[in-house]
Amino acid sequence: MKADDKLLEEVKKLDVRGYCGLPEEDNMILDWWTELVTTGELDKIFSKSCYSLGGFFKLFQRPNWLFYSADQHGFKFCIWAEPMFSTACVGLWVSPRHRKSRSVFRSIQLVYHTLFTMFNCILGVTKQEDLLTAHVDVGYTVVGKVNGLVDDQPAWIVHLTRESFKHGKLNPERR
C-alpha cells in the first residue's frame, strides 16, 4: 500500500469530511456560528462580513471548501480554504474541548496534506498576534503585519510553502 493510500485510509478512520451542503451539516454550521457568537470567538477569527449568518455560510460555498470532523457535541475542528491563484487562503478553528487532542491534530495534518496536493502554498490571515508563535511552530513564515487589513484593524499574514510543510510538524508522514 502506498503512503497516500495509507493516509486516505486514516482520513476515513478519523472521520474527516468535506462539507456537501447537507441539512445536518448546515445545522452544525448554525450551531458552530452560535457558539462562536456566544463565546466571542467570531470577531476574533472572522471579518465583519461573517457576522451575519448569511455571510458566514457564504464563506463555505464553492469554490471554497470546508473540512471538518464532528462528534455528538458538534464540530471538533473546521478548516476552510479559498483558492486564490496557485494558493489557498486557509482558516482553522478547533473546538475548545479538543484543542489538546492528538487525533484532532492528526486530522488537521491530513487535511493539510490534502491541500498540498492541490496548492503550492497556503496563506493565512490572523487578527490574533498571540497565535503567531503557534503558526511559526508548525512551519509557517510570518510575512508581516498589515494595518487595516481586516475590518480596518491590523492583521498578520502567514504562509506555508510546500517545502516548509514537508519538513514541518504539519506533515502527517513525519508523525
N, C-alpha and C. Protein backbone atom coordinates (compact mmCIF):
# COMPACT_ATOMS: atom_id res chain seq x y z
N MET A 1 0.84 -1.18 0.00
CA MET A 1 0.00 0.00 0.00
C MET A 1 0.89 1.24 0.00
N LYS A 2 0.60 2.19 -0.90
CA LYS A 2 1.36 3.43 -1.00
C LYS A 2 1.07 4.33 0.20
N ALA A 3 1.99 5.26 0.46
CA ALA A 3 1.84 6.18 1.60
C ALA A 3 0.55 6.97 1.49
N ASP A 4 0.20 7.47 0.29
CA ASP A 4 -1.03 8.25 0.13
C ASP A 4 -2.26 7.39 0.41
N ASP A 5 -2.22 6.11 0.03
CA ASP A 5 -3.35 5.22 0.31
C ASP A 5 -3.52 5.02 1.81
N LYS A 6 -2.41 4.89 2.51
CA LYS A 6 -2.47 4.74 3.97
C LYS A 6 -3.07 5.99 4.61
N LEU A 7 -2.66 7.16 4.12
CA LEU A 7 -3.19 8.41 4.67
C LEU A 7 -4.68 8.54 4.37
N LEU A 8 -5.11 8.12 3.18
CA LEU A 8 -6.52 8.16 2.84
C LEU A 8 -7.33 7.25 3.76
N GLU A 9 -6.81 6.08 4.06
CA GLU A 9 -7.48 5.18 4.99
C GLU A 9 -7.58 5.80 6.38
N GLU A 10 -6.52 6.50 6.77
CA GLU A 10 -6.53 7.16 8.08
C GLU A 10 -7.57 8.29 8.13
N VAL A 11 -7.72 9.03 7.03
CA VAL A 11 -8.74 10.08 6.95
C VAL A 11 -10.12 9.47 7.19
N LYS A 12 -10.38 8.34 6.56
CA LYS A 12 -11.68 7.68 6.74
C LYS A 12 -11.86 7.25 8.19
N LYS A 13 -10.82 6.69 8.77
CA LYS A 13 -10.90 6.21 10.16
C LYS A 13 -11.15 7.35 11.14
N LEU A 14 -10.55 8.50 10.88
CA LEU A 14 -10.71 9.66 11.75
C LEU A 14 -12.00 10.43 11.45
N ASP A 15 -12.71 10.01 10.42
CA ASP A 15 -13.99 10.60 10.05
C ASP A 15 -13.88 12.08 9.72
N VAL A 16 -12.88 12.42 8.92
CA VAL A 16 -12.74 13.78 8.40
C VAL A 16 -13.61 13.88 7.15
N ARG A 17 -14.40 14.93 7.09
CA ARG A 17 -15.35 15.08 5.98
C ARG A 17 -15.19 16.43 5.29
N GLY A 18 -15.68 16.48 4.09
CA GLY A 18 -15.78 17.73 3.35
C GLY A 18 -17.24 18.14 3.30
N TYR A 19 -17.50 19.41 3.50
CA TYR A 19 -18.86 19.94 3.51
C TYR A 19 -19.52 19.72 2.15
N CYS A 20 -20.74 19.16 2.18
CA CYS A 20 -21.51 18.89 0.97
C CYS A 20 -22.80 19.69 0.89
N GLY A 21 -23.13 20.42 1.93
CA GLY A 21 -24.37 21.20 1.94
C GLY A 21 -25.58 20.41 2.38
N LEU A 22 -25.34 19.31 3.08
CA LEU A 22 -26.46 18.52 3.59
C LEU A 22 -27.15 19.26 4.74
N PRO A 23 -28.45 19.05 4.93
CA PRO A 23 -29.16 19.76 6.01
C PRO A 23 -28.52 19.57 7.38
N GLU A 24 -28.07 18.35 7.70
CA GLU A 24 -27.45 18.14 9.01
C GLU A 24 -26.12 18.89 9.14
N GLU A 25 -25.40 19.08 8.01
CA GLU A 25 -24.18 19.87 8.05
C GLU A 25 -24.51 21.35 8.26
N ASP A 26 -25.55 21.82 7.57
CA ASP A 26 -25.97 23.21 7.76
C ASP A 26 -26.38 23.47 9.20
N ASN A 27 -27.05 22.50 9.82
CA ASN A 27 -27.40 22.65 11.24
C ASN A 27 -26.16 22.73 12.12
N MET A 28 -25.13 21.94 11.79
CA MET A 28 -23.89 22.01 12.57
C MET A 28 -23.20 23.35 12.38
N ILE A 29 -23.25 23.90 11.16
CA ILE A 29 -22.66 25.22 10.92
C ILE A 29 -23.43 26.28 11.71
N LEU A 30 -24.74 26.19 11.73
CA LEU A 30 -25.55 27.11 12.53
C LEU A 30 -25.17 27.02 14.00
N ASP A 31 -25.04 25.81 14.53
CA ASP A 31 -24.65 25.62 15.93
C ASP A 31 -23.25 26.18 16.19
N TRP A 32 -22.34 25.98 15.22
CA TRP A 32 -20.97 26.49 15.36
C TRP A 32 -20.99 28.01 15.39
N TRP A 33 -21.71 28.63 14.45
CA TRP A 33 -21.80 30.09 14.41
C TRP A 33 -22.35 30.61 15.73
N THR A 34 -23.40 29.96 16.24
CA THR A 34 -23.99 30.36 17.52
C THR A 34 -22.97 30.26 18.65
N GLU A 35 -22.20 29.17 18.66
CA GLU A 35 -21.15 29.01 19.68
C GLU A 35 -20.10 30.11 19.56
N LEU A 36 -19.69 30.42 18.34
CA LEU A 36 -18.68 31.47 18.12
C LEU A 36 -19.19 32.83 18.59
N VAL A 37 -20.45 33.11 18.32
CA VAL A 37 -21.05 34.38 18.77
C VAL A 37 -21.10 34.41 20.29
N THR A 38 -21.57 33.33 20.90
CA THR A 38 -21.73 33.25 22.36
C THR A 38 -20.40 33.38 23.09
N THR A 39 -19.36 32.75 22.56
CA THR A 39 -18.05 32.76 23.22
C THR A 39 -17.21 33.99 22.87
N GLY A 40 -17.66 34.77 21.90
CA GLY A 40 -16.88 35.94 21.48
C GLY A 40 -15.78 35.61 20.51
N GLU A 41 -15.71 34.37 20.04
CA GLU A 41 -14.65 34.00 19.10
C GLU A 41 -14.92 34.45 17.68
N LEU A 42 -16.17 34.70 17.33
CA LEU A 42 -16.49 35.06 15.95
C LEU A 42 -15.69 36.28 15.51
N ASP A 43 -15.69 37.33 16.33
CA ASP A 43 -14.98 38.55 15.93
C ASP A 43 -13.47 38.43 16.07
N LYS A 44 -12.97 37.42 16.78
CA LYS A 44 -11.53 37.19 16.87
C LYS A 44 -10.99 36.49 15.61
N ILE A 45 -11.86 35.72 14.95
CA ILE A 45 -11.43 34.88 13.84
C ILE A 45 -11.86 35.42 12.49
N PHE A 46 -13.09 35.89 12.40
CA PHE A 46 -13.69 36.23 11.11
C PHE A 46 -13.84 37.74 10.95
N SER A 47 -13.99 38.15 9.69
CA SER A 47 -14.25 39.56 9.41
C SER A 47 -15.73 39.85 9.62
N LYS A 48 -16.06 41.12 9.60
CA LYS A 48 -17.45 41.54 9.81
C LYS A 48 -18.39 40.95 8.76
N SER A 49 -17.87 40.61 7.60
CA SER A 49 -18.72 40.03 6.55
C SER A 49 -19.31 38.68 6.99
N CYS A 50 -18.73 38.05 8.00
CA CYS A 50 -19.22 36.76 8.51
C CYS A 50 -20.03 36.90 9.79
N TYR A 51 -20.25 38.12 10.25
CA TYR A 51 -21.02 38.30 11.48
C TYR A 51 -22.49 37.93 11.30
N SER A 52 -23.00 38.10 10.08
CA SER A 52 -24.36 37.64 9.81
C SER A 52 -24.28 36.16 9.43
N LEU A 53 -25.33 35.44 9.71
CA LEU A 53 -25.37 34.02 9.39
C LEU A 53 -25.23 33.79 7.89
N GLY A 54 -25.88 34.63 7.09
CA GLY A 54 -25.78 34.50 5.63
C GLY A 54 -24.35 34.69 5.15
N GLY A 55 -23.66 35.68 5.70
CA GLY A 55 -22.27 35.92 5.33
C GLY A 55 -21.36 34.78 5.76
N PHE A 56 -21.66 34.21 6.91
CA PHE A 56 -20.89 33.08 7.43
C PHE A 56 -21.01 31.88 6.49
N PHE A 57 -22.24 31.55 6.12
CA PHE A 57 -22.47 30.42 5.21
C PHE A 57 -21.79 30.64 3.86
N LYS A 58 -21.76 31.88 3.40
CA LYS A 58 -21.17 32.18 2.10
C LYS A 58 -19.69 31.78 2.03
N LEU A 59 -19.03 31.85 3.17
CA LEU A 59 -17.60 31.51 3.23
C LEU A 59 -17.33 30.05 2.86
N PHE A 60 -18.31 29.18 3.00
CA PHE A 60 -18.10 27.75 2.78
C PHE A 60 -18.70 27.23 1.48
N GLN A 61 -19.14 28.15 0.61
CA GLN A 61 -19.73 27.76 -0.67
C GLN A 61 -18.65 27.64 -1.73
N ARG A 62 -18.92 26.83 -2.74
CA ARG A 62 -17.98 26.66 -3.85
C ARG A 62 -17.65 28.01 -4.45
N PRO A 63 -16.41 28.24 -4.82
CA PRO A 63 -15.33 27.27 -4.99
C PRO A 63 -14.54 26.98 -3.71
N ASN A 64 -15.01 27.47 -2.57
CA ASN A 64 -14.32 27.25 -1.30
C ASN A 64 -14.62 25.86 -0.76
N TRP A 65 -13.83 25.45 0.22
CA TRP A 65 -14.01 24.16 0.87
C TRP A 65 -14.13 24.34 2.37
N LEU A 66 -14.81 23.39 3.00
CA LEU A 66 -14.84 23.28 4.45
C LEU A 66 -14.61 21.82 4.79
N PHE A 67 -13.54 21.55 5.51
CA PHE A 67 -13.25 20.21 6.02
C PHE A 67 -13.53 20.22 7.51
N TYR A 68 -14.02 19.10 8.03
CA TYR A 68 -14.37 19.08 9.45
C TYR A 68 -14.41 17.66 9.98
N SER A 69 -14.43 17.58 11.28
CA SER A 69 -14.74 16.36 12.00
C SER A 69 -15.69 16.77 13.11
N ALA A 70 -16.62 15.89 13.44
CA ALA A 70 -17.64 16.24 14.43
C ALA A 70 -17.90 15.06 15.36
N ASP A 71 -18.45 15.39 16.50
CA ASP A 71 -18.93 14.37 17.43
C ASP A 71 -20.34 14.78 17.86
N GLN A 72 -20.87 14.14 18.88
CA GLN A 72 -22.24 14.43 19.32
C GLN A 72 -22.42 15.86 19.83
N HIS A 73 -21.32 16.56 20.13
CA HIS A 73 -21.40 17.94 20.63
C HIS A 73 -21.21 18.98 19.55
N GLY A 74 -20.93 18.55 18.32
CA GLY A 74 -20.70 19.50 17.23
C GLY A 74 -19.33 19.31 16.61
N PHE A 75 -18.86 20.36 15.95
CA PHE A 75 -17.57 20.29 15.28
C PHE A 75 -16.44 20.12 16.28
N LYS A 76 -15.51 19.23 15.95
CA LYS A 76 -14.25 19.13 16.69
C LYS A 76 -13.28 20.17 16.14
N PHE A 77 -13.24 20.26 14.81
CA PHE A 77 -12.42 21.27 14.16
C PHE A 77 -13.03 21.58 12.80
N CYS A 78 -12.68 22.74 12.28
CA CYS A 78 -13.06 23.13 10.92
C CYS A 78 -11.85 23.78 10.26
N ILE A 79 -11.62 23.41 9.02
CA ILE A 79 -10.62 24.07 8.19
C ILE A 79 -11.34 24.51 6.93
N TRP A 80 -11.27 25.79 6.63
CA TRP A 80 -11.89 26.30 5.41
C TRP A 80 -10.78 26.83 4.52
N ALA A 81 -10.99 26.68 3.22
CA ALA A 81 -9.96 27.07 2.25
C ALA A 81 -10.62 27.76 1.06
N GLU A 82 -9.99 28.85 0.65
CA GLU A 82 -10.47 29.61 -0.50
C GLU A 82 -9.33 29.68 -1.52
N PRO A 83 -9.54 29.12 -2.72
CA PRO A 83 -8.47 29.16 -3.72
C PRO A 83 -8.21 30.57 -4.22
N MET A 84 -6.92 30.87 -4.43
CA MET A 84 -6.51 32.16 -4.96
C MET A 84 -5.19 31.94 -5.71
N PHE A 85 -5.22 32.05 -7.02
CA PHE A 85 -4.07 31.74 -7.86
C PHE A 85 -3.64 30.29 -7.61
N SER A 86 -2.37 30.04 -7.31
CA SER A 86 -1.94 28.66 -7.00
C SER A 86 -1.82 28.45 -5.50
N THR A 87 -2.58 29.25 -4.77
CA THR A 87 -2.53 29.26 -3.30
C THR A 87 -3.93 29.01 -2.75
N ALA A 88 -3.98 28.58 -1.51
CA ALA A 88 -5.25 28.52 -0.78
C ALA A 88 -5.12 29.42 0.44
N CYS A 89 -6.11 30.27 0.65
CA CYS A 89 -6.21 31.04 1.89
C CYS A 89 -6.97 30.14 2.86
N VAL A 90 -6.33 29.79 3.96
CA VAL A 90 -6.85 28.77 4.85
C VAL A 90 -7.10 29.35 6.24
N GLY A 91 -8.20 28.93 6.83
CA GLY A 91 -8.52 29.26 8.21
C GLY A 91 -8.74 27.98 9.00
N LEU A 92 -8.48 28.03 10.28
CA LEU A 92 -8.59 26.85 11.14
C LEU A 92 -9.22 27.25 12.46
N TRP A 93 -10.17 26.44 12.90
CA TRP A 93 -10.75 26.59 14.23
C TRP A 93 -10.83 25.21 14.85
N VAL A 94 -10.43 25.11 16.12
CA VAL A 94 -10.53 23.86 16.87
C VAL A 94 -11.39 24.14 18.10
N SER A 95 -12.36 23.26 18.32
CA SER A 95 -13.24 23.39 19.47
C SER A 95 -12.41 23.42 20.75
N PRO A 96 -12.76 24.28 21.70
CA PRO A 96 -12.00 24.33 22.96
C PRO A 96 -11.86 22.96 23.63
N ARG A 97 -12.86 22.10 23.50
CA ARG A 97 -12.81 20.79 24.14
C ARG A 97 -11.85 19.82 23.44
N HIS A 98 -11.32 20.21 22.26
CA HIS A 98 -10.42 19.34 21.50
C HIS A 98 -9.07 19.98 21.20
N ARG A 99 -8.76 21.10 21.81
CA ARG A 99 -7.54 21.83 21.44
C ARG A 99 -6.26 21.11 21.83
N LYS A 100 -6.33 20.12 22.67
CA LYS A 100 -5.14 19.34 23.03
C LYS A 100 -5.23 17.89 22.54
N SER A 101 -6.19 17.61 21.67
CA SER A 101 -6.44 16.26 21.19
C SER A 101 -5.44 15.84 20.11
N ARG A 102 -4.80 14.71 20.33
CA ARG A 102 -3.85 14.17 19.34
C ARG A 102 -4.57 13.76 18.06
N SER A 103 -5.76 13.17 18.19
CA SER A 103 -6.48 12.72 16.99
C SER A 103 -6.94 13.92 16.15
N VAL A 104 -7.31 15.01 16.79
CA VAL A 104 -7.69 16.21 16.03
C VAL A 104 -6.47 16.79 15.34
N PHE A 105 -5.34 16.85 16.02
CA PHE A 105 -4.11 17.34 15.37
C PHE A 105 -3.76 16.46 14.17
N ARG A 106 -3.91 15.16 14.34
CA ARG A 106 -3.63 14.23 13.24
C ARG A 106 -4.58 14.49 12.07
N SER A 107 -5.85 14.72 12.37
CA SER A 107 -6.82 15.04 11.31
C SER A 107 -6.42 16.31 10.57
N ILE A 108 -5.99 17.31 11.32
CA ILE A 108 -5.56 18.58 10.71
C ILE A 108 -4.35 18.33 9.81
N GLN A 109 -3.40 17.52 10.25
CA GLN A 109 -2.26 17.17 9.40
C GLN A 109 -2.72 16.58 8.07
N LEU A 110 -3.69 15.69 8.14
CA LEU A 110 -4.17 15.01 6.94
C LEU A 110 -4.89 15.97 6.00
N VAL A 111 -5.63 16.93 6.55
CA VAL A 111 -6.28 17.93 5.69
C VAL A 111 -5.22 18.79 5.01
N TYR A 112 -4.20 19.20 5.74
CA TYR A 112 -3.12 19.98 5.13
C TYR A 112 -2.44 19.17 4.02
N HIS A 113 -2.22 17.90 4.26
CA HIS A 113 -1.63 17.05 3.22
C HIS A 113 -2.49 17.09 1.96
N THR A 114 -3.79 16.99 2.13
CA THR A 114 -4.72 17.05 1.00
C THR A 114 -4.62 18.39 0.29
N LEU A 115 -4.59 19.48 1.05
CA LEU A 115 -4.49 20.80 0.44
C LEU A 115 -3.21 20.95 -0.37
N PHE A 116 -2.12 20.38 0.13
CA PHE A 116 -0.86 20.50 -0.61
C PHE A 116 -0.79 19.60 -1.84
N THR A 117 -1.76 18.72 -2.03
CA THR A 117 -1.84 18.01 -3.31
C THR A 117 -2.45 18.90 -4.38
N MET A 118 -3.11 19.98 -3.96
CA MET A 118 -3.77 20.90 -4.89
C MET A 118 -3.10 22.26 -5.02
N PHE A 119 -2.40 22.69 -3.97
CA PHE A 119 -1.86 24.05 -3.94
C PHE A 119 -0.37 24.03 -3.61
N ASN A 120 0.33 25.05 -4.13
CA ASN A 120 1.77 25.18 -3.88
C ASN A 120 2.08 25.85 -2.55
N CYS A 121 1.14 26.65 -2.08
CA CYS A 121 1.37 27.47 -0.90
C CYS A 121 0.04 27.68 -0.19
N ILE A 122 0.11 27.84 1.11
CA ILE A 122 -1.07 28.15 1.91
C ILE A 122 -0.83 29.48 2.60
N LEU A 123 -1.82 30.35 2.50
CA LEU A 123 -1.78 31.65 3.18
C LEU A 123 -2.76 31.64 4.33
N GLY A 124 -2.44 32.37 5.35
CA GLY A 124 -3.34 32.56 6.46
C GLY A 124 -3.33 34.02 6.87
N VAL A 125 -4.41 34.46 7.45
CA VAL A 125 -4.52 35.80 8.00
C VAL A 125 -5.05 35.64 9.41
N THR A 126 -4.38 36.25 10.36
CA THR A 126 -4.87 36.19 11.74
C THR A 126 -4.93 37.59 12.33
N LYS A 127 -5.99 37.82 13.07
CA LYS A 127 -6.13 39.07 13.81
C LYS A 127 -5.54 38.93 15.21
N GLN A 128 -5.07 37.71 15.53
CA GLN A 128 -4.60 37.41 16.89
C GLN A 128 -3.08 37.27 16.90
N GLU A 129 -2.42 38.33 17.32
CA GLU A 129 -0.96 38.34 17.35
C GLU A 129 -0.41 37.19 18.20
N ASP A 130 -1.14 36.80 19.26
CA ASP A 130 -0.67 35.75 20.14
C ASP A 130 -0.65 34.37 19.46
N LEU A 131 -1.23 34.23 18.28
CA LEU A 131 -1.18 32.96 17.55
C LEU A 131 0.01 32.84 16.60
N LEU A 132 0.78 33.90 16.45
CA LEU A 132 1.91 33.87 15.52
C LEU A 132 2.95 32.82 15.90
N THR A 133 3.24 32.68 17.18
CA THR A 133 4.21 31.68 17.64
C THR A 133 3.75 30.28 17.27
N ALA A 134 2.47 30.01 17.43
CA ALA A 134 1.93 28.69 17.06
C ALA A 134 2.07 28.44 15.56
N HIS A 135 1.83 29.47 14.76
CA HIS A 135 2.00 29.33 13.31
C HIS A 135 3.45 28.99 12.97
N VAL A 136 4.37 29.74 13.55
CA VAL A 136 5.80 29.51 13.28
C VAL A 136 6.20 28.11 13.76
N ASP A 137 5.67 27.70 14.88
CA ASP A 137 6.00 26.39 15.46
C ASP A 137 5.66 25.23 14.52
N VAL A 138 4.62 25.38 13.70
CA VAL A 138 4.26 24.30 12.79
C VAL A 138 4.79 24.50 11.37
N GLY A 139 5.58 25.57 11.15
CA GLY A 139 6.26 25.73 9.87
C GLY A 139 5.91 26.95 9.06
N TYR A 140 4.92 27.71 9.49
CA TYR A 140 4.56 28.92 8.76
C TYR A 140 5.65 29.98 8.90
N THR A 141 5.71 30.87 7.93
CA THR A 141 6.54 32.06 7.99
C THR A 141 5.61 33.25 8.15
N VAL A 142 5.94 34.14 9.06
CA VAL A 142 5.15 35.35 9.24
C VAL A 142 5.63 36.37 8.20
N VAL A 143 4.74 36.74 7.30
CA VAL A 143 5.07 37.71 6.27
C VAL A 143 5.13 39.10 6.88
N GLY A 144 4.14 39.40 7.71
CA GLY A 144 4.16 40.69 8.38
C GLY A 144 2.79 41.17 8.78
N LYS A 145 2.79 42.28 9.47
CA LYS A 145 1.57 42.92 9.95
C LYS A 145 1.10 43.92 8.90
N VAL A 146 -0.19 43.91 8.64
CA VAL A 146 -0.78 44.86 7.70
C VAL A 146 -1.87 45.62 8.45
N ASN A 147 -1.63 46.89 8.69
CA ASN A 147 -2.64 47.71 9.37
C ASN A 147 -3.86 47.89 8.48
N GLY A 148 -5.02 47.74 9.07
CA GLY A 148 -6.27 47.93 8.34
C GLY A 148 -6.66 46.78 7.43
N LEU A 149 -6.00 45.64 7.52
CA LEU A 149 -6.28 44.52 6.61
C LEU A 149 -7.66 43.91 6.82
N VAL A 150 -8.08 43.75 8.06
CA VAL A 150 -9.38 43.13 8.35
C VAL A 150 -10.22 44.12 9.15
N ASP A 151 -11.28 44.58 8.53
CA ASP A 151 -12.21 45.50 9.21
C ASP A 151 -11.49 46.70 9.82
N ASP A 152 -10.56 47.26 9.07
CA ASP A 152 -9.79 48.43 9.50
C ASP A 152 -8.94 48.18 10.74
N GLN A 153 -8.69 46.91 11.05
CA GLN A 153 -7.84 46.53 12.17
C GLN A 153 -6.58 45.87 11.63
N PRO A 154 -5.51 45.85 12.43
CA PRO A 154 -4.30 45.16 11.97
C PRO A 154 -4.51 43.65 11.94
N ALA A 155 -3.82 43.00 11.02
CA ALA A 155 -3.81 41.54 10.94
C ALA A 155 -2.45 41.12 10.40
N TRP A 156 -2.12 39.87 10.62
CA TRP A 156 -0.84 39.33 10.20
C TRP A 156 -1.06 38.30 9.10
N ILE A 157 -0.22 38.37 8.09
CA ILE A 157 -0.26 37.38 7.01
C ILE A 157 0.83 36.36 7.29
N VAL A 158 0.46 35.09 7.19
CA VAL A 158 1.41 33.99 7.35
C VAL A 158 1.32 33.11 6.11
N HIS A 159 2.41 32.42 5.80
CA HIS A 159 2.34 31.50 4.66
C HIS A 159 3.14 30.24 4.96
N LEU A 160 2.70 29.17 4.33
CA LEU A 160 3.34 27.86 4.47
C LEU A 160 3.58 27.33 3.07
N THR A 161 4.84 27.14 2.74
CA THR A 161 5.19 26.59 1.43
C THR A 161 5.15 25.07 1.48
N ARG A 162 5.11 24.46 0.33
CA ARG A 162 5.12 23.00 0.26
C ARG A 162 6.40 22.46 0.91
N GLU A 163 7.51 23.13 0.70
CA GLU A 163 8.80 22.70 1.27
C GLU A 163 8.78 22.80 2.80
N SER A 164 8.26 23.90 3.32
CA SER A 164 8.16 24.07 4.79
C SER A 164 7.22 23.04 5.38
N PHE A 165 6.14 22.75 4.66
CA PHE A 165 5.19 21.74 5.11
C PHE A 165 5.87 20.37 5.17
N LYS A 166 6.62 20.06 4.14
CA LYS A 166 7.30 18.75 4.04
C LYS A 166 8.22 18.50 5.25
N HIS A 167 8.84 19.56 5.75
CA HIS A 167 9.80 19.42 6.85
C HIS A 167 9.23 19.81 8.21
N GLY A 168 7.97 20.24 8.24
CA GLY A 168 7.40 20.75 9.47
C GLY A 168 6.49 19.77 10.20
N LYS A 169 5.97 20.22 11.31
CA LYS A 169 5.12 19.41 12.19
C LYS A 169 3.77 19.06 11.58
N LEU A 170 3.33 19.79 10.56
CA LEU A 170 2.03 19.51 9.96
C LEU A 170 2.07 18.37 8.95
N ASN A 171 3.24 17.94 8.57
CA ASN A 171 3.36 16.83 7.62
C ASN A 171 2.98 15.53 8.30
N PRO A 172 1.91 14.87 7.83
CA PRO A 172 1.46 13.64 8.51
C PRO A 172 2.44 12.48 8.36
N GLU A 173 3.34 12.56 7.39
CA GLU A 173 4.31 11.48 7.19
C GLU A 173 5.47 11.56 8.18
N ARG A 174 5.61 12.68 8.88
CA ARG A 174 6.69 12.86 9.86
C ARG A 174 6.32 12.30 11.22
N ARG A 175 5.03 12.25 11.51
CA ARG A 175 4.48 11.80 12.80
C ARG A 175 5.14 12.55 13.89
